[in-house]
PDB file of all heavy atoms in Angstrom:
ATOM      1  N   HIS A   1     107.664 102.504  80.728  1.00  0.00           N
ATOM      2  CA  HIS A   1     108.422 102.524  82.004  1.00  0.00           C
ATOM      3  C   HIS A   1     107.506 102.239  83.126  1.00  0.00           C
ATOM      4  O   HIS A   1     107.157 103.065  83.955  1.00  0.00           O
ATOM      5  CB  HIS A   1     109.185 103.804  82.220  1.00  0.00           C
ATOM      6  CG  HIS A   1     110.424 103.973  81.306  1.00  0.00           C
ATOM      7  ND1 HIS A   1     111.629 103.692  81.692  1.00  0.00           N
ATOM      8  CD2 HIS A   1     110.530 104.305  79.942  1.00  0.00           C
ATOM      9  CE1 HIS A   1     112.450 103.878  80.750  1.00  0.00           C
ATOM     10  NE2 HIS A   1     111.885 104.275  79.620  1.00  0.00           N
ATOM     11  N   TYR A   2     107.046 100.937  83.124  1.00  0.00           N
ATOM     12  CA  TYR A   2     106.057 100.500  84.194  1.00  0.00           C
ATOM     13  C   TYR A   2     106.635 100.100  85.451  1.00  0.00           C
ATOM     14  O   TYR A   2     107.688  99.494  85.520  1.00  0.00           O
ATOM     15  CB  TYR A   2     105.276  99.397  83.526  1.00  0.00           C
ATOM     16  CG  TYR A   2     104.181  99.786  82.481  1.00  0.00           C
ATOM     17  CD1 TYR A   2     104.452  99.578  81.112  1.00  0.00           C
ATOM     18  CD2 TYR A   2     103.038 100.502  82.836  1.00  0.00           C
ATOM     19  CE1 TYR A   2     103.463  99.899  80.113  1.00  0.00           C
ATOM     20  CE2 TYR A   2     102.102 100.836  81.871  1.00  0.00           C
ATOM     21  CZ  TYR A   2     102.331 100.485  80.582  1.00  0.00           C
ATOM     22  OH  TYR A   2     101.436 100.934  79.697  1.00  0.00           O
ATOM     23  N   VAL A   3     105.781 100.333  86.495  1.00  0.00           N
ATOM     24  CA  VAL A   3     106.027  99.733  87.844  1.00  0.00           C
ATOM     25  C   VAL A   3     104.746  99.083  88.140  1.00  0.00           C
ATOM     26  O   VAL A   3     103.663  99.371  87.632  1.00  0.00           O
ATOM     27  CB  VAL A   3     106.518 100.708  88.921  1.00  0.00           C
ATOM     28  CG1 VAL A   3     107.849 101.285  88.505  1.00  0.00           C
ATOM     29  CG2 VAL A   3     105.451 101.865  89.006  1.00  0.00           C
ATOM     30  N   THR A   4     104.773  98.177  89.226  1.00  0.00           N
ATOM     31  CA  THR A   4     103.651  97.383  89.462  1.00  0.00           C
ATOM     32  C   THR A   4     103.486  97.105  90.983  1.00  0.00           C
ATOM     33  O   THR A   4     104.439  97.239  91.713  1.00  0.00           O
ATOM     34  CB  THR A   4     103.572  96.052  88.746  1.00  0.00           C
ATOM     35  OG1 THR A   4     102.399  95.361  88.922  1.00  0.00           O
ATOM     36  CG2 THR A   4     104.730  95.148  89.213  1.00  0.00           C
ATOM     37  N   TRP A   5     102.226  96.851  91.405  1.00  0.00           N
ATOM     38  CA  TRP A   5     102.038  96.300  92.748  1.00  0.00           C
ATOM     39  C   TRP A   5     100.877  95.229  92.632  1.00  0.00           C
ATOM     40  O   TRP A   5     100.088  95.245  91.742  1.00  0.00           O
ATOM     41  CB  TRP A   5     101.692  97.427  93.736  1.00  0.00           C
ATOM     42  CG  TRP A   5     100.371  98.108  93.608  1.00  0.00           C
ATOM     43  CD1 TRP A   5      99.250  97.861  94.281  1.00  0.00           C
ATOM     44  CD2 TRP A   5     100.076  99.200  92.703  1.00  0.00           C
ATOM     45  NE1 TRP A   5      98.209  98.702  93.844  1.00  0.00           N
ATOM     46  CE2 TRP A   5      98.688  99.497  92.946  1.00  0.00           C
ATOM     47  CE3 TRP A   5     100.781  99.931  91.867  1.00  0.00           C
ATOM     48  CZ2 TRP A   5      98.146 100.541  92.216  1.00  0.00           C
ATOM     49  CZ3 TRP A   5     100.214 100.980  91.118  1.00  0.00           C
ATOM     50  CH2 TRP A   5      98.829 101.263  91.312  1.00  0.00           C
ATOM     51  N   HIS A   6     100.903  94.414  93.740  1.00  0.00           N
ATOM     52  CA  HIS A   6      99.953  93.267  93.645  1.00  0.00           C
ATOM     53  C   HIS A   6      99.036  93.366  94.877  1.00  0.00           C
ATOM     54  O   HIS A   6      99.389  93.758  95.925  1.00  0.00           O
ATOM     55  CB  HIS A   6     100.796  91.929  93.679  1.00  0.00           C
ATOM     56  CG  HIS A   6      99.907  90.762  93.778  1.00  0.00           C
ATOM     57  ND1 HIS A   6      99.379  90.208  92.782  1.00  0.00           N
ATOM     58  CD2 HIS A   6      99.668  89.941  94.909  1.00  0.00           C
ATOM     59  CE1 HIS A   6      98.612  89.045  93.127  1.00  0.00           C
ATOM     60  NE2 HIS A   6      98.808  88.915  94.404  1.00  0.00           N
ATOM     61  N   LYS A   7      97.833  92.869  94.734  1.00  0.00           N
ATOM     62  CA  LYS A   7      96.838  92.784  95.765  1.00  0.00           C
ATOM     63  C   LYS A   7      95.940  91.616  95.506  1.00  0.00           C
ATOM     64  O   LYS A   7      95.684  91.279  94.334  1.00  0.00           O
ATOM     65  CB  LYS A   7      96.019  94.146  95.802  1.00  0.00           C
ATOM     66  CG  LYS A   7      95.010  94.141  96.993  1.00  0.00           C
ATOM     67  CD  LYS A   7      94.297  95.461  97.064  1.00  0.00           C
ATOM     68  CE  LYS A   7      93.391  95.548  98.290  1.00  0.00           C
ATOM     69  NZ  LYS A   7      92.700  96.841  98.412  1.00  0.00           N
ATOM     70  N   GLN A   8      95.547  90.975  96.625  1.00  0.00           N
ATOM     71  CA  GLN A   8      94.567  89.867  96.503  1.00  0.00           C
ATOM     72  C   GLN A   8      93.199  90.288  96.967  1.00  0.00           C
ATOM     73  O   GLN A   8      93.043  90.999  98.016  1.00  0.00           O
ATOM     74  CB  GLN A   8      95.044  88.709  97.341  1.00  0.00           C
ATOM     75  CG  GLN A   8      96.270  88.022  96.781  1.00  0.00           C
ATOM     76  CD  GLN A   8      96.685  86.761  97.471  1.00  0.00           C
ATOM     77  OE1 GLN A   8      96.457  86.672  98.719  1.00  0.00           O
ATOM     78  NE2 GLN A   8      97.212  85.771  96.781  1.00  0.00           N
ATOM     79  N   TYR A   9      92.265  89.886  96.170  1.00  0.00           N
ATOM     80  CA  TYR A   9      90.830  90.298  96.510  1.00  0.00           C
ATOM     81  C   TYR A   9      90.101  88.987  96.891  1.00  0.00           C
ATOM     82  O   TYR A   9      90.223  87.961  96.263  1.00  0.00           O
ATOM     83  CB  TYR A   9      90.156  90.891  95.158  1.00  0.00           C
ATOM     84  CG  TYR A   9      88.701  91.146  95.309  1.00  0.00           C
ATOM     85  CD1 TYR A   9      88.199  92.178  96.096  1.00  0.00           C
ATOM     86  CD2 TYR A   9      87.756  90.245  94.766  1.00  0.00           C
ATOM     87  CE1 TYR A   9      86.842  92.293  96.268  1.00  0.00           C
ATOM     88  CE2 TYR A   9      86.461  90.391  94.844  1.00  0.00           C
ATOM     89  CZ  TYR A   9      85.955  91.430  95.663  1.00  0.00           C
ATOM     90  OH  TYR A   9      84.598  91.716  95.802  1.00  0.00           O
ATOM     91  N   ALA A  10      89.357  89.092  97.996  1.00  0.00           N
ATOM     92  CA  ALA A  10      88.652  87.911  98.530  1.00  0.00           C
ATOM     93  C   ALA A  10      87.228  87.920  97.804  1.00  0.00           C
ATOM     94  O   ALA A  10      86.283  88.626  98.214  1.00  0.00           O
ATOM     95  CB  ALA A  10      88.447  87.894  99.978  1.00  0.00           C
ATOM     96  N   GLY A  11      87.221  87.193  96.678  1.00  0.00           N
ATOM     97  CA  GLY A  11      85.958  87.171  95.884  1.00  0.00           C
ATOM     98  C   GLY A  11      85.101  86.003  96.006  1.00  0.00           C
ATOM     99  O   GLY A  11      85.359  85.141  96.983  1.00  0.00           O
ATOM    100  N   LEU A  12      84.102  85.887  95.142  1.00  0.00           N
ATOM    101  CA  LEU A  12      83.208  84.778  95.251  1.00  0.00           C
ATOM    102  C   LEU A  12      83.864  83.403  94.936  1.00  0.00           C
ATOM    103  O   LEU A  12      83.401  82.374  95.396  1.00  0.00           O
ATOM    104  CB  LEU A  12      82.035  84.970  94.212  1.00  0.00           C
ATOM    105  CG  LEU A  12      81.140  86.086  94.503  1.00  0.00           C
ATOM    106  CD1 LEU A  12      79.997  86.143  93.475  1.00  0.00           C
ATOM    107  CD2 LEU A  12      80.481  85.903  95.927  1.00  0.00           C
ATOM    108  N   ASN A  13      84.837  83.428  94.119  1.00  0.00           N
ATOM    109  CA  ASN A  13      85.727  82.242  93.865  1.00  0.00           C
ATOM    110  C   ASN A  13      87.006  82.204  94.597  1.00  0.00           C
ATOM    111  O   ASN A  13      88.137  81.863  94.121  1.00  0.00           O
ATOM    112  CB  ASN A  13      85.966  82.105  92.355  1.00  0.00           C
ATOM    113  CG  ASN A  13      84.808  81.586  91.622  1.00  0.00           C
ATOM    114  OD1 ASN A  13      83.755  81.190  92.195  1.00  0.00           O
ATOM    115  ND2 ASN A  13      84.912  81.505  90.295  1.00  0.00           N
ATOM    116  N   LYS A  14      86.980  82.674  95.831  1.00  0.00           N
ATOM    117  CA  LYS A  14      88.064  82.770  96.824  1.00  0.00           C
ATOM    118  C   LYS A  14      89.016  83.848  96.408  1.00  0.00           C
ATOM    119  O   LYS A  14      88.660  85.043  96.360  1.00  0.00           O
ATOM    120  CB  LYS A  14      88.714  81.442  96.909  1.00  0.00           C
ATOM    121  CG  LYS A  14      87.809  80.313  97.464  1.00  0.00           C
ATOM    122  CD  LYS A  14      88.461  79.044  97.798  1.00  0.00           C
ATOM    123  CE  LYS A  14      87.435  78.024  98.396  1.00  0.00           C
ATOM    124  NZ  LYS A  14      88.076  76.719  98.550  1.00  0.00           N
ATOM    125  N   VAL A  15      90.314  83.551  96.144  1.00  0.00           N
ATOM    126  CA  VAL A  15      91.327  84.587  95.984  1.00  0.00           C
ATOM    127  C   VAL A  15      91.507  84.978  94.466  1.00  0.00           C
ATOM    128  O   VAL A  15      91.739  84.168  93.674  1.00  0.00           O
ATOM    129  CB  VAL A  15      92.730  84.096  96.523  1.00  0.00           C
ATOM    130  CG1 VAL A  15      93.790  85.162  96.291  1.00  0.00           C
ATOM    131  CG2 VAL A  15      92.555  83.816  98.015  1.00  0.00           C
ATOM    132  N   LEU A  16      91.298  86.251  94.202  1.00  0.00           N
ATOM    133  CA  LEU A  16      91.566  86.816  92.914  1.00  0.00           C
ATOM    134  C   LEU A  16      92.829  87.637  92.969  1.00  0.00           C
ATOM    135  O   LEU A  16      92.867  88.657  93.780  1.00  0.00           O
ATOM    136  CB  LEU A  16      90.413  87.609  92.412  1.00  0.00           C
ATOM    137  CG  LEU A  16      90.519  88.493  91.146  1.00  0.00           C
ATOM    138  CD1 LEU A  16      90.822  87.585  89.967  1.00  0.00           C
ATOM    139  CD2 LEU A  16      89.386  89.370  90.868  1.00  0.00           C
ATOM    140  N   ASP A  17      93.753  87.331  92.102  1.00  0.00           N
ATOM    141  CA  ASP A  17      94.997  88.082  92.048  1.00  0.00           C
ATOM    142  C   ASP A  17      94.774  89.311  91.240  1.00  0.00           C
ATOM    143  O   ASP A  17      94.305  89.260  90.055  1.00  0.00           O
ATOM    144  CB  ASP A  17      96.112  87.334  91.343  1.00  0.00           C
ATOM    145  CG  ASP A  17      96.654  86.246  92.241  1.00  0.00           C
ATOM    146  OD1 ASP A  17      96.869  86.485  93.508  1.00  0.00           O
ATOM    147  OD2 ASP A  17      96.700  85.042  91.832  1.00  0.00           O
ATOM    148  N   CYS A  18      95.075  90.521  91.742  1.00  0.00           N
ATOM    149  CA  CYS A  18      94.902  91.776  91.053  1.00  0.00           C
ATOM    150  C   CYS A  18      96.212  92.517  91.059  1.00  0.00           C
ATOM    151  O   CYS A  18      97.007  92.605  92.075  1.00  0.00           O
ATOM    152  CB  CYS A  18      93.925  92.760  91.960  1.00  0.00           C
ATOM    153  SG  CYS A  18      92.262  91.978  92.095  1.00  0.00           S
ATOM    154  N   ASP A  19      96.606  92.899  89.879  1.00  0.00           N
ATOM    155  CA  ASP A  19      97.888  93.653  89.562  1.00  0.00           C
ATOM    156  C   ASP A  19      97.586  94.873  88.871  1.00  0.00           C
ATOM    157  O   ASP A  19      96.731  94.987  88.041  1.00  0.00           O
ATOM    158  CB  ASP A  19      98.791  92.712  88.697  1.00  0.00           C
ATOM    159  CG  ASP A  19      99.171  91.460  89.443  1.00  0.00           C
ATOM    160  OD1 ASP A  19     100.135  91.542  90.363  1.00  0.00           O
ATOM    161  OD2 ASP A  19      98.600  90.364  89.205  1.00  0.00           O
ATOM    162  N   PHE A  20      98.312  95.811  89.254  1.00  0.00           N
ATOM    163  CA  PHE A  20      98.168  97.267  88.747  1.00  0.00           C
ATOM    164  C   PHE A  20      99.596  97.675  88.151  1.00  0.00           C
ATOM    165  O   PHE A  20     100.568  97.564  88.820  1.00  0.00           O
ATOM    166  CB  PHE A  20      97.742  98.172  89.823  1.00  0.00           C
ATOM    167  CG  PHE A  20      96.499  97.577  90.528  1.00  0.00           C
ATOM    168  CD1 PHE A  20      96.593  96.836  91.559  1.00  0.00           C
ATOM    169  CD2 PHE A  20      95.257  97.986  90.081  1.00  0.00           C
ATOM    170  CE1 PHE A  20      95.407  96.295  92.314  1.00  0.00           C
ATOM    171  CE2 PHE A  20      94.058  97.558  90.617  1.00  0.00           C
ATOM    172  CZ  PHE A  20      94.167  96.726  91.766  1.00  0.00           C
ATOM    173  N   TRP A  21      99.565  98.154  86.905  1.00  0.00           N
ATOM    174  CA  TRP A  21     100.752  98.615  86.307  1.00  0.00           C
ATOM    175  C   TRP A  21     100.498 100.179  85.799  1.00  0.00           C
ATOM    176  O   TRP A  21      99.577 100.447  85.078  1.00  0.00           O
ATOM    177  CB  TRP A  21     100.995  97.757  84.976  1.00  0.00           C
ATOM    178  CG  TRP A  21     101.380  96.355  85.379  1.00  0.00           C
ATOM    179  CD1 TRP A  21     100.431  95.313  85.707  1.00  0.00           C
ATOM    180  CD2 TRP A  21     102.596  95.699  85.404  1.00  0.00           C
ATOM    181  NE1 TRP A  21     101.086  94.119  85.849  1.00  0.00           N
ATOM    182  CE2 TRP A  21     102.381  94.302  85.745  1.00  0.00           C
ATOM    183  CE3 TRP A  21     103.866  96.130  85.094  1.00  0.00           C
ATOM    184  CZ2 TRP A  21     103.441  93.437  85.889  1.00  0.00           C
ATOM    185  CZ3 TRP A  21     104.934  95.305  85.172  1.00  0.00           C
ATOM    186  CH2 TRP A  21     104.731  93.945  85.535  1.00  0.00           C
ATOM    187  N   VAL A  22     101.381 100.936  86.309  1.00  0.00           N
ATOM    188  CA  VAL A  22     101.355 102.330  85.953  1.00  0.00           C
ATOM    189  C   VAL A  22     102.717 102.843  85.656  1.00  0.00           C
ATOM    190  O   VAL A  22     103.805 102.197  85.944  1.00  0.00           O
ATOM    191  CB  VAL A  22     100.759 103.212  87.094  1.00  0.00           C
ATOM    192  CG1 VAL A  22      99.372 102.829  87.446  1.00  0.00           C
ATOM    193  CG2 VAL A  22     101.670 103.120  88.384  1.00  0.00           C
ATOM    194  N   LEU A  23     102.844 103.985  84.882  1.00  0.00           N
ATOM    195  CA  LEU A  23     104.154 104.514  84.644  1.00  0.00           C
ATOM    196  C   LEU A  23     104.811 104.962  86.009  1.00  0.00           C
ATOM    197  O   LEU A  23     104.088 105.359  86.917  1.00  0.00           O
ATOM    198  CB  LEU A  23     103.990 105.782  83.757  1.00  0.00           C
ATOM    199  CG  LEU A  23     103.487 105.455  82.324  1.00  0.00           C
ATOM    200  CD1 LEU A  23     103.295 106.711  81.501  1.00  0.00           C
ATOM    201  CD2 LEU A  23     104.306 104.457  81.602  1.00  0.00           C
ATOM    202  N   ASP A  24     106.080 104.882  86.000  1.00  0.00           N
ATOM    203  CA  ASP A  24     106.761 104.935  87.292  1.00  0.00           C
ATOM    204  C   ASP A  24     106.535 106.284  88.101  1.00  0.00           C
ATOM    205  O   ASP A  24     106.389 106.222  89.375  1.00  0.00           O
ATOM    206  CB  ASP A  24     108.320 104.811  87.067  1.00  0.00           C
ATOM    207  CG  ASP A  24     108.925 105.722  86.048  1.00  0.00           C
ATOM    208  OD1 ASP A  24     108.128 106.617  85.493  1.00  0.00           O
ATOM    209  OD2 ASP A  24     110.082 105.483  85.568  1.00  0.00           O
ATOM    210  N   TYR A  25     106.293 107.380  87.457  1.00  0.00           N
ATOM    211  CA  TYR A  25     105.998 108.566  88.175  1.00  0.00           C
ATOM    212  C   TYR A  25     104.588 108.747  88.649  1.00  0.00           C
ATOM    213  O   TYR A  25     104.174 109.628  89.325  1.00  0.00           O
ATOM    214  CB  TYR A  25     106.325 109.843  87.250  1.00  0.00           C
ATOM    215  CG  TYR A  25     105.803 109.843  85.859  1.00  0.00           C
ATOM    216  CD1 TYR A  25     104.485 110.141  85.674  1.00  0.00           C
ATOM    217  CD2 TYR A  25     106.531 109.537  84.744  1.00  0.00           C
ATOM    218  CE1 TYR A  25     103.881 110.168  84.414  1.00  0.00           C
ATOM    219  CE2 TYR A  25     106.070 109.538  83.456  1.00  0.00           C
ATOM    220  CZ  TYR A  25     104.671 109.795  83.270  1.00  0.00           C
ATOM    221  OH  TYR A  25     104.169 109.878  81.996  1.00  0.00           O
ATOM    222  N   ASN A  26     103.801 107.752  88.286  1.00  0.00           N
ATOM    223  CA  ASN A  26     102.298 107.701  88.724  1.00  0.00           C
ATOM    224  C   ASN A  26     102.047 106.672  89.808  1.00  0.00           C
ATOM    225  O   ASN A  26     100.898 106.428  90.112  1.00  0.00           O
ATOM    226  CB  ASN A  26     101.401 107.533  87.582  1.00  0.00           C
ATOM    227  CG  ASN A  26     101.225 108.767  86.693  1.00  0.00           C
ATOM    228  OD1 ASN A  26     101.239 109.824  87.291  1.00  0.00           O
ATOM    229  ND2 ASN A  26     101.043 108.598  85.473  1.00  0.00           N
ATOM    230  N   LEU A  27     103.168 106.130  90.414  1.00  0.00           N
ATOM    231  CA  LEU A  27     102.948 105.042  91.372  1.00  0.00           C
ATOM    232  C   LEU A  27     102.105 105.484  92.556  1.00  0.00           C
ATOM    233  O   LEU A  27     101.091 104.834  92.855  1.00  0.00           O
ATOM    234  CB  LEU A  27     104.343 104.581  91.901  1.00  0.00           C
ATOM    235  CG  LEU A  27     104.245 103.427  92.902  1.00  0.00           C
ATOM    236  CD1 LEU A  27     103.566 102.218  92.352  1.00  0.00           C
ATOM    237  CD2 LEU A  27     105.712 103.120  93.417  1.00  0.00           C
ATOM    238  N   ASN A  28     102.356 106.558  93.206  1.00  0.00           N
ATOM    239  CA  ASN A  28     101.565 106.996  94.374  1.00  0.00           C
ATOM    240  C   ASN A  28     100.151 107.363  94.032  1.00  0.00           C
ATOM    241  O   ASN A  28      99.150 106.979  94.681  1.00  0.00           O
ATOM    242  CB  ASN A  28     102.280 108.182  95.105  1.00  0.00           C
ATOM    243  CG  ASN A  28     103.590 107.702  95.699  1.00  0.00           C
ATOM    244  OD1 ASN A  28     103.816 106.576  96.065  1.00  0.00           O
ATOM    245  ND2 ASN A  28     104.537 108.702  95.883  1.00  0.00           N
ATOM    246  N   ARG A  29      99.886 108.047  92.963  1.00  0.00           N
ATOM    247  CA  ARG A  29      98.642 108.362  92.462  1.00  0.00           C
ATOM    248  C   ARG A  29      97.844 107.149  92.187  1.00  0.00           C
ATOM    249  O   ARG A  29      96.612 107.034  92.479  1.00  0.00           O
ATOM    250  CB  ARG A  29      98.640 109.238  91.212  1.00  0.00           C
ATOM    251  CG  ARG A  29      99.290 110.687  91.423  1.00  0.00           C
ATOM    252  CD  ARG A  29      99.349 111.364  90.060  1.00  0.00           C
ATOM    253  NE  ARG A  29      97.947 111.812  89.670  1.00  0.00           N
ATOM    254  CZ  ARG A  29      97.598 112.217  88.379  1.00  0.00           C
ATOM    255  NH1 ARG A  29      98.605 112.251  87.490  1.00  0.00           N
ATOM    256  NH2 ARG A  29      96.388 112.491  88.057  1.00  0.00           N
ATOM    257  N   GLY A  30      98.451 106.246  91.393  1.00  0.00           N
ATOM    258  CA  GLY A  30      97.775 105.008  91.098  1.00  0.00           C
ATOM    259  C   GLY A  30      97.363 104.089  92.292  1.00  0.00           C
ATOM    260  O   GLY A  30      96.211 103.651  92.395  1.00  0.00           O
ATOM    261  N   LYS A  31      98.247 104.016  93.292  1.00  0.00           N
ATOM    262  CA  LYS A  31      97.914 103.211  94.412  1.00  0.00           C
ATOM    263  C   LYS A  31      96.744 103.787  95.239  1.00  0.00           C
ATOM    264  O   LYS A  31      95.881 103.075  95.728  1.00  0.00           O
ATOM    265  CB  LYS A  31      99.108 103.131  95.375  1.00  0.00           C
ATOM    266  CG  LYS A  31     100.226 102.200  95.017  1.00  0.00           C
ATOM    267  CD  LYS A  31     101.208 102.034  95.958  1.00  0.00           C
ATOM    268  CE  LYS A  31     102.242 100.844  95.660  1.00  0.00           C
ATOM    269  NZ  LYS A  31     103.226 100.626  96.640  1.00  0.00           N
ATOM    270  N   GLU A  32      96.604 105.076  95.217  1.00  0.00           N
ATOM    271  CA  GLU A  32      95.522 105.698  96.010  1.00  0.00           C
ATOM    272  C   GLU A  32      94.255 105.574  95.099  1.00  0.00           C
ATOM    273  O   GLU A  32      93.137 105.142  95.662  1.00  0.00           O
ATOM    274  CB  GLU A  32      95.830 107.133  96.232  1.00  0.00           C
ATOM    275  CG  GLU A  32      94.683 107.891  96.981  1.00  0.00           C
ATOM    276  CD  GLU A  32      94.345 107.293  98.359  1.00  0.00           C
ATOM    277  OE1 GLU A  32      95.231 106.742  99.059  1.00  0.00           O
ATOM    278  OE2 GLU A  32      93.099 107.461  98.793  1.00  0.00           O
ATOM    279  N   HIS A  33      94.291 106.004  93.850  1.00  0.00           N
ATOM    280  CA  HIS A  33      93.075 106.027  93.066  1.00  0.00           C
ATOM    281  C   HIS A  33      92.472 104.674  92.740  1.00  0.00           C
ATOM    282  O   HIS A  33      91.275 104.448  92.728  1.00  0.00           O
ATOM    283  CB  HIS A  33      93.282 106.742  91.752  1.00  0.00           C
ATOM    284  CG  HIS A  33      92.141 107.050  90.935  1.00  0.00           C
ATOM    285  ND1 HIS A  33      91.279 108.087  91.303  1.00  0.00           N
ATOM    286  CD2 HIS A  33      91.623 106.509  89.805  1.00  0.00           C
ATOM    287  CE1 HIS A  33      90.254 108.105  90.446  1.00  0.00           C
ATOM    288  NE2 HIS A  33      90.454 107.151  89.511  1.00  0.00           N
ATOM    289  N   PHE A  34      93.327 103.625  92.566  1.00  0.00           N
ATOM    290  CA  PHE A  34      92.852 102.368  92.125  1.00  0.00           C
ATOM    291  C   PHE A  34      92.249 101.558  93.300  1.00  0.00           C
ATOM    292  O   PHE A  34      91.856 100.379  93.113  1.00  0.00           O
ATOM    293  CB  PHE A  34      93.946 101.541  91.514  1.00  0.00           C
ATOM    294  CG  PHE A  34      94.261 102.016  90.079  1.00  0.00           C
ATOM    295  CD1 PHE A  34      95.434 101.591  89.425  1.00  0.00           C
ATOM    296  CD2 PHE A  34      93.498 102.945  89.402  1.00  0.00           C
ATOM    297  CE1 PHE A  34      95.742 101.961  88.132  1.00  0.00           C
ATOM    298  CE2 PHE A  34      93.820 103.378  88.173  1.00  0.00           C
ATOM    299  CZ  PHE A  34      94.918 102.848  87.506  1.00  0.00           C
ATOM    300  N   LYS A  35      92.185 102.158  94.490  1.00  0.00           N
ATOM    301  CA  LYS A  35      91.410 101.524  95.533  1.00  0.00           C
ATOM    302  C   LYS A  35      89.991 101.266  95.185  1.00  0.00           C
ATOM    303  O   LYS A  35      89.277 100.442  95.820  1.00  0.00           O
ATOM    304  CB  LYS A  35      91.519 102.391  96.860  1.00  0.00           C
ATOM    305  CG  LYS A  35      92.893 102.406  97.428  1.00  0.00           C
ATOM    306  CD  LYS A  35      92.998 103.315  98.690  1.00  0.00           C
ATOM    307  CE  LYS A  35      94.310 103.304  99.383  1.00  0.00           C
ATOM    308  NZ  LYS A  35      94.403 104.196 100.497  1.00  0.00           N
ATOM    309  N   GLN A  36      89.487 102.074  94.161  1.00  0.00           N
ATOM    310  CA  GLN A  36      88.069 101.859  93.714  1.00  0.00           C
ATOM    311  C   GLN A  36      87.916 100.480  93.215  1.00  0.00           C
ATOM    312  O   GLN A  36      86.698  99.991  93.008  1.00  0.00           O
ATOM    313  CB  GLN A  36      87.784 102.910  92.583  1.00  0.00           C
ATOM    314  CG  GLN A  36      87.671 104.352  93.143  1.00  0.00           C
ATOM    315  CD  GLN A  36      87.070 105.272  92.086  1.00  0.00           C
ATOM    316  OE1 GLN A  36      86.268 104.810  91.279  1.00  0.00           O
ATOM    317  NE2 GLN A  36      87.577 106.498  92.155  1.00  0.00           N
ATOM    318  N   THR A  37      88.927  99.812  92.754  1.00  0.00           N
ATOM    319  CA  THR A  37      88.818  98.475  92.143  1.00  0.00           C
ATOM    320  C   THR A  37      88.078  97.569  93.107  1.00  0.00           C
ATOM    321  O   THR A  37      87.285  96.692  92.621  1.00  0.00           O
ATOM    322  CB  THR A  37      90.234  97.891  91.857  1.00  0.00           C
ATOM    323  OG1 THR A  37      90.843  98.778  90.985  1.00  0.00           O
ATOM    324  CG2 THR A  37      90.094  96.584  91.209  1.00  0.00           C
ATOM    325  N   ASP A  38      88.404  97.499  94.399  1.00  0.00           N
ATOM    326  CA  ASP A  38      87.719  96.704  95.400  1.00  0.00           C
ATOM    327  C   ASP A  38      86.151  96.870  95.318  1.00  0.00           C
ATOM    328  O   ASP A  38      85.414  95.911  95.259  1.00  0.00           O
ATOM    329  CB  ASP A  38      88.214  96.918  96.803  1.00  0.00           C
ATOM    330  CG  ASP A  38      89.496  96.123  97.065  1.00  0.00           C
ATOM    331  OD1 ASP A  38      90.023  95.487  96.166  1.00  0.00           O
ATOM    332  OD2 ASP A  38      89.873  96.091  98.280  1.00  0.00           O
TER     333      ASP A  38
END
C-alpha cells in the first residue's frame, strides 16, 4: 500500500528525478527523514 512523492535534485548532470515510495501510514515520517537524500 504505497504512496509516493517526487523531488528534483540539481546535480552534476543537471536535473535528477528523485522519487520516494513508502507505506501510506509512513508518509509524513518518510518526507521528513528522507531529506537526508540531498
